[in-house]
């Protein structure tokens, strides 16, 4: 499958994509997004397709497939609406279209507030170019638009107590300002073969199950300009009986969204919580069988081809009833703050009252001491031993810590040392190693002293 992706990518002038998935020294998602965005699209699609192959090899076949933004294209491929060759060409044509026609100086940002509150903030700024692009649930909403307008809204949102995280994308997806690119993309891909899904697929963009080739074409043609109501999609799937969600993509951003959006009885499992983390996949998928002789391949009731809703009762007791969630390319959506009682395995997230925030702020110490104290704060909030957090360890690439979690812990450290918020143009999400974080904290201390 990866060889097929590499072959098609080569026809469009790209190098092999598969090494980006397997080579530990390959660029991180963040660096790819800023330096080679076309490869980011291909790498994410290839990751989703390869992960689907892994799950099928374990006997895991989902009752219903769903994606997140760009990831819906991968979900359609897994459902048989497109073959790998056609889907890869679709991704390459999308990248080529954006290079030719994509609007400049636009982007996206995640706001730590529900969609209704963010809609009010957008109305306060009174700029019609800003749109709510993705509703990820009570803890996170993604907005898109011109960068200048996003900066204005960011100031308003921060004043209202929200955390605003710029996303690593050059375009304002799920916004009408992408209409020209969307129409060009539709024309460029009109001849690619598309068929009705052979497996149930739910689209959070269209808000319904896709049952025909026309449904699939509608999603493909409109995914750049239509907002994603992912939270509504999760609620619909929950009402339809889905209780286990398997994130078949890189990292665990969507796993966090599921855990924060649905009742605790729901199980959310990331297949690849960090690069190469497949060694304990069977244990995470089949925790009740971890001490046995190995998992028996689970069986599922799949809906008949003419049915648009997932079956309610699997044949196996206490089954893995899975929704395959695919990540977004442009908005590799940051994970909202997990619930303290439902954190991902290996990550401890204390409730607000137990966080490393003393009654009185301490002045920022000198560099060596600052590094050790910062290491302690990050170790306690990530659940890793201090000795593991070296100065050059990458929180995202090496530990699988998403940007929203990084921003949250940075805020805890900043408040601990009594430092001001970073000025415009400085984002804690850009400091990915402990050394870079320490330098940013130190610069904030220097700025505070100079301003005082």
Protein backbone atom coordinates (compact mmCIF):
# COMPACT_ATOMS: atom_id res chain seq x y z
CA UNK A 1 0.00 0.00 0.00
CA UNK A 2 2.78 2.47 0.94
CA UNK A 3 4.63 1.52 -2.25
CA UNK A 4 1.54 2.56 -4.20
CA UNK A 5 1.43 5.92 -2.39
CA UNK A 6 5.15 6.44 -3.10
CA UNK A 7 4.67 5.63 -6.79
CA UNK A 8 1.84 8.11 -7.29
CA UNK A 9 3.67 10.77 -5.25
CA UNK A 10 6.69 10.29 -7.52
CA UNK A 11 4.54 10.99 -10.58
CA UNK A 12 3.72 14.38 -9.04
CA UNK A 13 7.38 15.15 -8.33
CA UNK A 14 7.55 14.17 -4.66
CA UNK A 15 10.08 11.91 -3.03
CA UNK A 16 9.09 8.73 -1.17
CA UNK A 17 6.52 9.29 1.55
CA UNK A 18 6.97 6.00 3.44
CA UNK A 19 10.28 7.00 5.14
CA UNK A 20 8.40 9.84 6.86
CA UNK A 21 6.37 7.19 8.66
CA UNK A 22 9.14 4.75 9.57
CA UNK A 23 12.38 6.73 9.97
CA UNK A 24 12.74 8.15 13.52
CA UNK A 25 15.08 10.85 12.18
CA UNK A 26 12.53 12.14 9.64
CA UNK A 27 11.07 15.64 10.14
CA UNK A 28 8.35 16.18 12.73
CA UNK A 29 4.80 17.02 11.73
CA UNK A 30 5.34 20.61 12.82
CA UNK A 31 8.47 21.12 10.72
CA UNK A 32 6.83 19.46 7.72
CA UNK A 33 3.78 21.69 8.04
CA UNK A 34 5.91 24.83 7.94
CA UNK A 35 8.55 23.71 5.42
CA UNK A 36 6.90 21.08 3.18
CA UNK A 37 3.10 21.31 3.60
CA UNK A 38 2.47 19.15 0.52
CA UNK A 39 4.35 16.28 2.13
CA UNK A 40 2.38 16.80 5.32
CA UNK A 41 -0.83 16.02 3.45
CA UNK A 42 0.67 12.91 1.88
CA UNK A 43 2.25 11.73 5.14
CA UNK A 44 -1.00 12.07 7.07
CA UNK A 45 -2.97 10.27 4.39
CA UNK A 46 -0.36 7.49 4.20
CA UNK A 47 -0.35 7.16 7.99
CA UNK A 48 -4.11 6.74 8.05
CA UNK A 49 -4.07 4.17 5.25
CA UNK A 50 -1.20 2.21 6.82
CA UNK A 51 -2.89 2.26 10.23
CA UNK A 52 -6.05 0.87 8.67
CA UNK A 53 -3.98 -2.01 7.26
CA UNK A 54 -2.55 -2.67 10.74
CA UNK A 55 -6.01 -2.78 12.29
CA UNK A 56 -7.38 -5.08 9.61
CA UNK A 57 -4.38 -7.34 10.17
CA UNK A 58 -5.42 -7.62 13.82
CA UNK A 59 -8.96 -8.50 12.79
CA UNK A 60 -10.37 -5.11 13.77
CA UNK A 61 -13.00 -3.88 11.35
CA UNK A 62 -14.98 -0.85 12.38
CA UNK A 63 -18.76 -0.69 12.42
CA UNK A 64 -18.59 2.87 11.14
CA UNK A 65 -15.79 5.05 9.80
CA UNK A 66 -15.49 8.78 10.42
CA UNK A 67 -12.80 11.34 9.77
CA UNK A 68 -11.84 14.78 10.98
CA UNK A 69 -11.65 17.43 8.25
CA UNK A 70 -9.03 16.29 5.68
CA UNK A 71 -9.08 12.91 7.40
CA UNK A 72 -12.53 12.28 5.95
CA UNK A 73 -10.81 11.59 2.63
CA UNK A 74 -8.82 8.80 4.26
CA UNK A 75 -11.98 7.43 5.89
CA UNK A 76 -13.61 7.27 2.45
CA UNK A 77 -10.61 5.33 1.14
CA UNK A 78 -10.83 2.86 4.02
CA UNK A 79 -14.54 2.45 3.23
CA UNK A 80 -13.80 1.55 -0.40
CA UNK A 81 -15.23 4.71 -1.96
CA UNK A 82 -11.81 5.33 -3.55
CA UNK A 83 -8.83 3.08 -4.12
CA UNK A 84 -5.38 4.06 -2.80
CA UNK A 85 -4.17 5.20 -6.22
CA UNK A 86 -7.12 7.54 -6.78
CA UNK A 87 -7.06 8.85 -3.21
CA UNK A 88 -3.34 9.63 -3.42
CA UNK A 89 -3.92 11.49 -6.69
CA UNK A 90 -6.70 13.40 -4.97
CA UNK A 91 -4.31 14.47 -2.20
CA UNK A 92 -1.64 15.50 -4.73
CA UNK A 93 -4.14 17.49 -6.81
CA UNK A 94 -5.35 19.19 -3.64
CA UNK A 95 -1.81 20.29 -2.81
CA UNK A 96 -1.20 21.51 -6.36
CA UNK A 97 -4.46 23.47 -6.35
CA UNK A 98 -3.61 25.17 -3.08
CA UNK A 99 -0.18 26.17 -4.38
CA UNK A 100 -1.78 27.79 -7.43
CA UNK A 101 -4.88 29.39 -5.96
CA UNK A 102 -4.72 29.32 -2.15
CA UNK A 103 -5.26 32.70 -0.47
CA UNK A 104 -2.19 34.22 1.16
CA UNK A 105 -1.74 35.45 4.72
CA UNK A 106 -4.49 33.24 6.07
CA UNK A 107 -4.51 30.55 8.73
CA UNK A 108 -6.32 28.84 11.57
CA UNK A 109 -6.23 28.88 15.37
CA UNK A 110 -7.66 26.73 18.16
CA UNK A 111 -9.56 28.46 20.97
CA UNK A 112 -10.15 26.73 24.30
CA UNK A 113 -13.88 27.46 24.41
CA UNK A 114 -17.08 25.97 23.07
CA UNK A 115 -18.40 26.96 19.64
CA UNK A 116 -21.22 29.11 20.96
CA UNK A 117 -18.86 31.22 23.04
CA UNK A 118 -16.42 31.54 20.15
CA UNK A 119 -19.27 32.63 17.86
CA UNK A 120 -19.90 35.49 20.31
CA UNK A 121 -16.21 36.42 20.24
CA UNK A 122 -16.25 36.39 16.43
CA UNK A 123 -19.29 38.66 16.49
CA UNK A 124 -17.51 41.05 18.86
CA UNK A 125 -14.57 41.41 16.48
CA UNK A 126 -17.12 42.02 13.69
CA UNK A 127 -14.98 40.75 10.83
CA UNK A 128 -17.00 38.61 8.40
CA UNK A 129 -13.86 36.89 7.10
CA UNK A 130 -13.40 35.00 10.38
CA UNK A 131 -15.40 31.78 10.62
CA UNK A 132 -15.84 28.98 13.11
CA UNK A 133 -14.17 26.24 11.10
CA UNK A 134 -14.28 23.19 13.39
CA UNK A 135 -16.39 22.50 16.48
CA UNK A 136 -14.35 20.02 18.51
CA UNK A 137 -16.59 20.05 21.58
CA UNK A 138 -16.95 21.97 24.83
CA UNK A 139 -13.21 22.51 25.24
CA UNK A 140 -12.05 23.56 21.80
CA UNK A 141 -13.18 25.40 18.69
CA UNK A 142 -11.05 26.11 15.61
CA UNK A 143 -11.41 29.40 13.73
CA UNK A 144 -10.06 30.37 10.31
CA UNK A 145 -9.53 33.55 8.32
CA UNK A 146 -6.93 36.20 7.48
CA UNK A 147 -4.01 36.20 9.91
CA UNK A 148 -4.55 39.84 10.89
CA UNK A 149 -8.16 39.11 11.80
CA UNK A 150 -7.13 35.99 13.74
CA UNK A 151 -4.68 38.07 15.75
CA UNK A 152 -7.43 40.55 16.62
CA UNK A 153 -9.77 37.78 17.71
CA UNK A 154 -6.93 36.15 19.64
CA UNK A 155 -6.49 39.28 21.74
CA UNK A 156 -10.21 39.36 22.52
CA UNK A 157 -10.30 35.65 23.34
CA UNK A 158 -7.30 35.88 25.67
CA UNK A 159 -8.88 38.81 27.45
CA UNK A 160 -11.92 36.58 27.98
CA UNK A 161 -9.72 33.90 29.56
CA UNK A 162 -9.34 31.53 26.63
CA UNK A 163 -6.13 29.93 25.36
CA UNK A 164 -5.51 30.62 21.68
CA UNK A 165 -3.12 28.34 19.76
CA UNK A 166 -2.16 29.20 16.17
CA UNK A 167 -2.16 26.10 13.97
CA UNK A 168 0.62 25.20 11.57
CA UNK A 169 -1.25 25.78 8.32
CA UNK A 170 -1.03 28.39 5.59
CA UNK A 171 -4.70 28.29 4.66
CA UNK A 172 -8.09 29.17 6.19
CA UNK A 173 -9.85 25.86 5.65
CA UNK A 174 -13.60 25.42 6.16
CA UNK A 175 -14.13 29.04 5.25
CA UNK A 176 -15.83 30.61 2.18
CA UNK A 177 -12.62 32.48 1.35
CA UNK A 178 -11.35 29.10 0.08
CA UNK A 179 -14.11 28.99 -2.57
CA UNK A 180 -11.81 29.65 -5.54
CA UNK A 181 -9.44 26.85 -4.50
CA UNK A 182 -12.38 24.56 -3.86
CA UNK A 183 -13.81 25.08 -7.34
CA UNK A 184 -10.40 24.56 -8.98
CA UNK A 185 -9.95 21.35 -6.99
CA UNK A 186 -13.39 20.08 -8.05
CA UNK A 187 -12.53 20.63 -11.71
CA UNK A 188 -9.10 18.98 -11.35
CA UNK A 189 -10.47 15.83 -9.71
CA UNK A 190 -13.76 15.41 -11.60
CA UNK A 191 -12.44 12.44 -13.60
CA UNK A 192 -11.12 10.46 -10.63
CA UNK A 193 -13.24 7.36 -10.00
CA UNK A 194 -15.50 7.48 -6.94
CA UNK A 195 -18.06 4.90 -5.85
CA UNK A 196 -20.53 4.32 -3.06
CA UNK A 197 -18.88 3.33 0.25
CA UNK A 198 -18.82 -0.40 0.95
CA UNK A 199 -18.78 0.31 4.68
CA UNK A 200 -20.76 2.77 6.81
CA UNK A 201 -19.18 6.24 6.81
CA UNK A 202 -20.35 9.23 8.84
CA UNK A 203 -19.31 12.72 7.74
CA UNK A 204 -19.07 15.44 10.38
CA UNK A 205 -18.78 17.95 7.54
CA UNK A 206 -22.09 17.01 5.92
CA UNK A 207 -23.66 15.88 9.20
CA UNK A 208 -24.92 12.53 7.95
CA UNK A 209 -24.01 9.04 6.77
CA UNK A 210 -22.70 8.77 3.21
CA UNK A 211 -24.43 6.03 1.22
CA UNK A 212 -23.93 6.91 -2.45
CA UNK A 213 -21.25 8.04 -4.88
CA UNK A 214 -23.03 11.41 -5.08
CA UNK A 215 -22.66 11.77 -1.30
CA UNK A 216 -18.94 11.10 -1.56
CA UNK A 217 -18.52 13.55 -4.41
CA UNK A 218 -20.39 16.24 -2.47
CA UNK A 219 -18.00 15.85 0.47
CA UNK A 220 -14.88 15.84 -1.72
CA UNK A 221 -16.02 18.94 -3.60
CA UNK A 222 -16.99 20.97 -0.53
CA UNK A 223 -14.57 19.94 2.23
CA UNK A 224 -12.45 23.10 1.91
CA UNK A 225 -15.31 25.55 2.49
CA UNK A 226 -17.76 23.75 4.78
CA UNK A 227 -17.36 23.86 8.59
CA UNK A 228 -16.78 20.61 10.46
CA UNK A 229 -19.26 19.87 13.27
CA UNK A 230 -17.15 17.14 14.79
CA UNK A 231 -18.77 17.43 18.22
CA UNK A 232 -22.24 16.95 16.73
CA UNK A 233 -20.87 13.96 14.84
CA UNK A 234 -19.55 12.37 18.04
CA UNK A 235 -22.93 12.85 19.73
CA UNK A 236 -24.72 11.28 16.76
CA UNK A 237 -22.39 8.26 16.76
CA UNK A 238 -22.84 7.87 20.51
CA UNK A 239 -26.62 7.93 20.11
CA UNK A 240 -26.26 5.30 17.38
CA UNK A 241 -24.53 2.95 19.82
CA UNK A 242 -20.81 3.52 19.25
CA UNK A 243 -18.94 3.10 22.54
CA UNK A 244 -15.34 2.54 21.45
CA UNK A 245 -13.46 4.97 19.21
CA UNK A 246 -10.14 3.99 17.66
CA UNK A 247 -8.02 6.87 16.37
CA UNK A 248 -6.36 5.46 13.26
CA UNK A 249 -3.82 8.18 12.73
CA UNK A 250 -0.75 9.81 14.21
CA UNK A 251 -0.77 11.15 17.78
CA UNK A 252 -3.84 11.24 19.99
CA UNK A 253 -5.51 14.60 19.46
CA UNK A 254 -8.88 13.12 18.53
CA UNK A 255 -8.67 10.65 21.42
CA UNK A 256 -8.61 13.62 23.79
CA UNK A 257 -11.55 15.26 22.04
CA UNK A 258 -13.61 12.07 22.38
CA UNK A 259 -12.74 11.71 26.07
CA UNK A 260 -13.70 15.31 26.76
CA UNK A 261 -16.89 15.27 24.72
CA UNK A 262 -18.59 11.98 25.59
CA UNK A 263 -19.54 10.21 28.84
CA UNK A 264 -16.86 8.26 30.77
CA UNK A 265 -18.31 4.91 29.69
CA UNK A 266 -16.86 5.58 26.20
CA UNK A 267 -13.45 4.10 25.40
CA UNK A 268 -11.03 5.99 23.13
CA UNK A 269 -7.85 4.30 21.91
CA UNK A 270 -5.05 5.94 19.89
CA UNK A 271 -3.32 3.51 17.55
CA UNK A 272 -0.18 5.64 17.24
CA UNK A 273 0.06 7.91 20.30
CA UNK A 274 3.61 8.72 19.24
CA UNK A 275 5.90 7.84 16.37
CA UNK A 276 6.48 4.09 16.11
CA UNK A 277 4.33 3.26 19.15
CA UNK A 278 2.85 0.02 17.83
CA UNK A 279 4.55 -2.45 20.18
CA UNK A 280 1.71 -2.43 22.73
CA UNK A 281 -1.15 -1.88 20.30
CA UNK A 282 -2.84 -5.22 21.00
CA UNK A 283 -2.72 -4.56 24.75
CA UNK A 284 -4.38 -1.16 24.26
CA UNK A 285 -7.01 -2.54 21.89
CA UNK A 286 -7.72 -5.66 23.96
CA UNK A 287 -6.93 -4.75 27.61
CA UNK A 288 -9.09 -7.56 29.02
CA UNK A 289 -7.07 -10.15 27.12
CA UNK A 290 -3.60 -8.75 27.80
CA UNK A 291 -2.78 -11.53 30.28
CA UNK A 292 -4.05 -14.36 28.08
CA UNK A 293 -2.52 -16.14 25.16
CA UNK A 294 -3.18 -13.26 22.81
CA UNK A 295 -6.30 -11.55 21.50
CA UNK A 296 -8.86 -13.45 19.53
CA UNK A 297 -9.78 -11.55 16.39
CA UNK A 298 -12.89 -9.55 17.28
CA UNK A 299 -15.97 -9.91 15.15
CA UNK A 300 -18.36 -7.11 14.36
CA UNK A 301 -21.71 -6.72 12.80
CA UNK A 302 -21.21 -4.43 9.82
CA UNK A 303 -24.28 -2.71 8.39
CA UNK A 304 -25.62 -4.07 5.11
CA UNK A 305 -24.48 -2.07 2.12
CA UNK A 306 -27.92 -0.50 1.80
CA UNK A 307 -28.02 0.55 5.47
CA UNK A 308 -26.88 3.99 6.59
CA UNK A 309 -26.56 3.44 10.34
CA UNK A 310 -24.20 1.19 12.33
CA UNK A 311 -25.45 -2.05 13.81
CA UNK A 312 -26.17 -1.84 17.50
CA UNK A 313 -25.22 -5.23 18.92
CA UNK A 314 -21.88 -6.88 18.03
CA UNK A 315 -21.67 -10.66 18.19
CA UNK A 316 -18.84 -10.66 20.67
CA UNK A 317 -19.51 -9.82 24.34
CA UNK A 318 -18.14 -6.42 25.36
CA UNK A 319 -16.79 -5.72 21.87
CA UNK A 320 -14.46 -3.14 20.48
CA UNK A 321 -17.02 -1.03 18.68
CA UNK A 322 -14.86 1.37 16.77
CA UNK A 323 -15.09 4.64 15.03
CA UNK A 324 -12.01 5.20 12.96
CA UNK A 325 -11.12 8.85 13.46
CA UNK A 326 -8.69 10.40 11.00
CA UNK A 327 -6.72 13.58 11.73
CA UNK A 328 -6.83 16.85 9.91
CA UNK A 329 -3.91 17.82 7.73
CA UNK A 330 -4.16 21.56 7.83
CA UNK A 331 -5.35 21.75 11.36
CA UNK A 332 -3.56 18.93 13.10
CA UNK A 333 -6.03 19.65 15.76
CA UNK A 334 -4.53 20.14 19.22
CA UNK A 335 -5.91 17.99 22.00
CA UNK A 336 -8.03 19.76 24.62
CA UNK A 337 -7.13 19.35 28.25
CA UNK A 338 -8.03 15.76 29.23
CA UNK A 339 -10.28 15.03 32.19
CA UNK A 340 -8.27 14.19 35.26
CA UNK A 341 -10.11 10.90 35.74
CA UNK A 342 -9.84 9.88 32.10
CA UNK A 343 -6.32 10.73 31.02
CA UNK A 344 -4.50 8.81 28.32
CA UNK A 345 -2.39 5.88 29.54
CA UNK A 346 0.90 7.09 30.94
CA UNK A 347 -0.17 10.73 31.20
CA UNK A 348 -1.18 12.22 34.51
CA UNK A 349 -3.31 15.33 34.33
CA UNK A 350 -4.04 16.71 37.81
CA UNK A 351 -7.15 18.77 38.45
CA UNK A 352 -6.63 22.55 38.57
CA UNK A 353 -6.34 22.68 42.35
CA UNK A 354 -3.49 20.15 42.38
CA UNK A 355 -1.36 21.70 39.66
CA UNK A 356 2.08 23.06 40.29
CA UNK A 357 0.90 26.57 41.08
CA UNK A 358 1.91 27.95 44.52
CA UNK A 359 -0.04 30.54 46.44
CA UNK A 360 2.63 33.12 45.74
CA UNK A 361 4.56 33.35 42.50
CA UNK A 362 8.31 32.84 42.65
CA UNK A 363 10.69 35.08 40.73
CA UNK A 364 12.23 33.37 37.73
CA UNK A 365 15.58 31.85 38.78
CA UNK A 366 18.80 31.75 36.79
CA UNK A 367 19.11 29.46 33.80
CA UNK A 368 20.39 26.20 35.35
CA UNK A 369 17.92 26.36 38.21
CA UNK A 370 15.17 27.44 35.81
CA UNK A 371 15.80 24.36 33.68
CA UNK A 372 15.62 21.99 36.65
CA UNK A 373 12.47 23.62 38.05
CA UNK A 374 10.84 23.66 34.65
CA UNK A 375 11.75 20.00 34.21
CA UNK A 376 10.02 19.21 37.51
CA UNK A 377 6.82 21.02 36.49
CA UNK A 378 6.69 19.26 33.13
CA UNK A 379 7.47 15.86 34.66
CA UNK A 380 4.64 16.21 37.19
CA UNK A 381 2.11 17.32 34.58
CA UNK A 382 3.11 14.81 31.90
CA UNK A 383 3.60 11.82 34.20
CA UNK A 384 7.18 11.12 33.09
CA UNK A 385 10.22 10.75 35.38
CA UNK A 386 12.40 13.88 35.55
CA UNK A 387 15.48 12.05 34.30
CA UNK A 388 13.64 11.24 31.07
CA UNK A 389 13.06 14.92 30.27
CA UNK A 390 16.43 15.89 28.84
CA UNK A 391 17.10 19.39 27.59
CA UNK A 392 16.77 18.39 23.93
CA UNK A 393 13.84 15.95 24.09
CA UNK A 394 11.01 16.97 21.74
CA UNK A 395 7.68 17.01 23.56
CA UNK A 396 5.70 16.28 20.41
CA UNK A 397 7.94 14.01 18.34
CA UNK A 398 9.43 12.03 21.24
CA UNK A 399 6.67 12.09 23.88
CA UNK A 400 3.53 12.55 21.77
CA UNK A 401 2.46 15.70 23.66
CA UNK A 402 0.14 17.76 21.48
CA UNK A 403 0.35 21.54 21.21
CA UNK A 404 -2.67 22.37 23.37
CA UNK A 405 -1.21 20.32 26.24
CA UNK A 406 2.14 22.04 25.74
CA UNK A 407 0.46 25.46 25.95
CA UNK A 408 -1.40 24.42 29.10
CA UNK A 409 1.73 23.26 30.94
CA UNK A 410 3.69 26.29 29.75
CA UNK A 411 0.97 28.44 31.33
CA UNK A 412 1.37 26.53 34.60
CA UNK A 413 5.14 27.13 34.54
CA UNK A 414 4.71 30.79 33.62
CA UNK A 415 2.29 31.37 36.50
CA UNK A 416 4.59 29.45 38.85
CA UNK A 417 7.40 31.90 38.15
CA UNK A 418 5.12 34.97 38.04
CA UNK A 419 5.94 35.79 34.41
CA UNK A 420 3.82 37.75 31.89
CA UNK A 421 2.14 36.21 28.86
CA UNK A 422 4.24 36.02 25.68
CA UNK A 423 3.85 38.98 23.35
CA UNK A 424 2.29 38.75 19.90
CA UNK A 425 4.50 36.66 17.63
CA UNK A 426 5.76 34.43 20.41
CA UNK A 427 3.93 31.15 20.92
CA UNK A 428 4.81 28.51 23.52
CA UNK A 429 3.79 25.93 20.90
CA UNK A 430 6.90 26.94 18.92
CA UNK A 431 9.14 25.91 21.83
CA UNK A 432 9.08 22.14 21.54
CA UNK A 433 12.08 21.10 23.65
CA UNK A 434 12.71 21.70 27.34
CA UNK A 435 15.73 23.84 26.44
CA UNK A 436 13.65 26.04 24.14
CA UNK A 437 10.92 26.32 26.77
CA UNK A 438 13.46 27.37 29.39
CA UNK A 439 14.86 30.02 27.03
CA UNK A 440 11.36 31.38 26.41
CA UNK A 441 10.63 31.57 30.14
CA UNK A 442 13.94 33.32 30.69
CA UNK A 443 13.15 35.86 27.95
CA UNK A 444 9.78 36.57 29.58
CA UNK A 445 11.56 37.22 32.87
CA UNK A 446 13.95 39.62 31.16
CA UNK A 447 11.08 41.43 29.44
CA UNK A 448 9.22 41.77 32.73
CA UNK A 449 12.32 43.23 34.40
CA UNK A 450 12.91 45.71 31.56
CA UNK A 451 9.29 46.84 31.52
CA UNK A 452 9.31 47.20 35.29
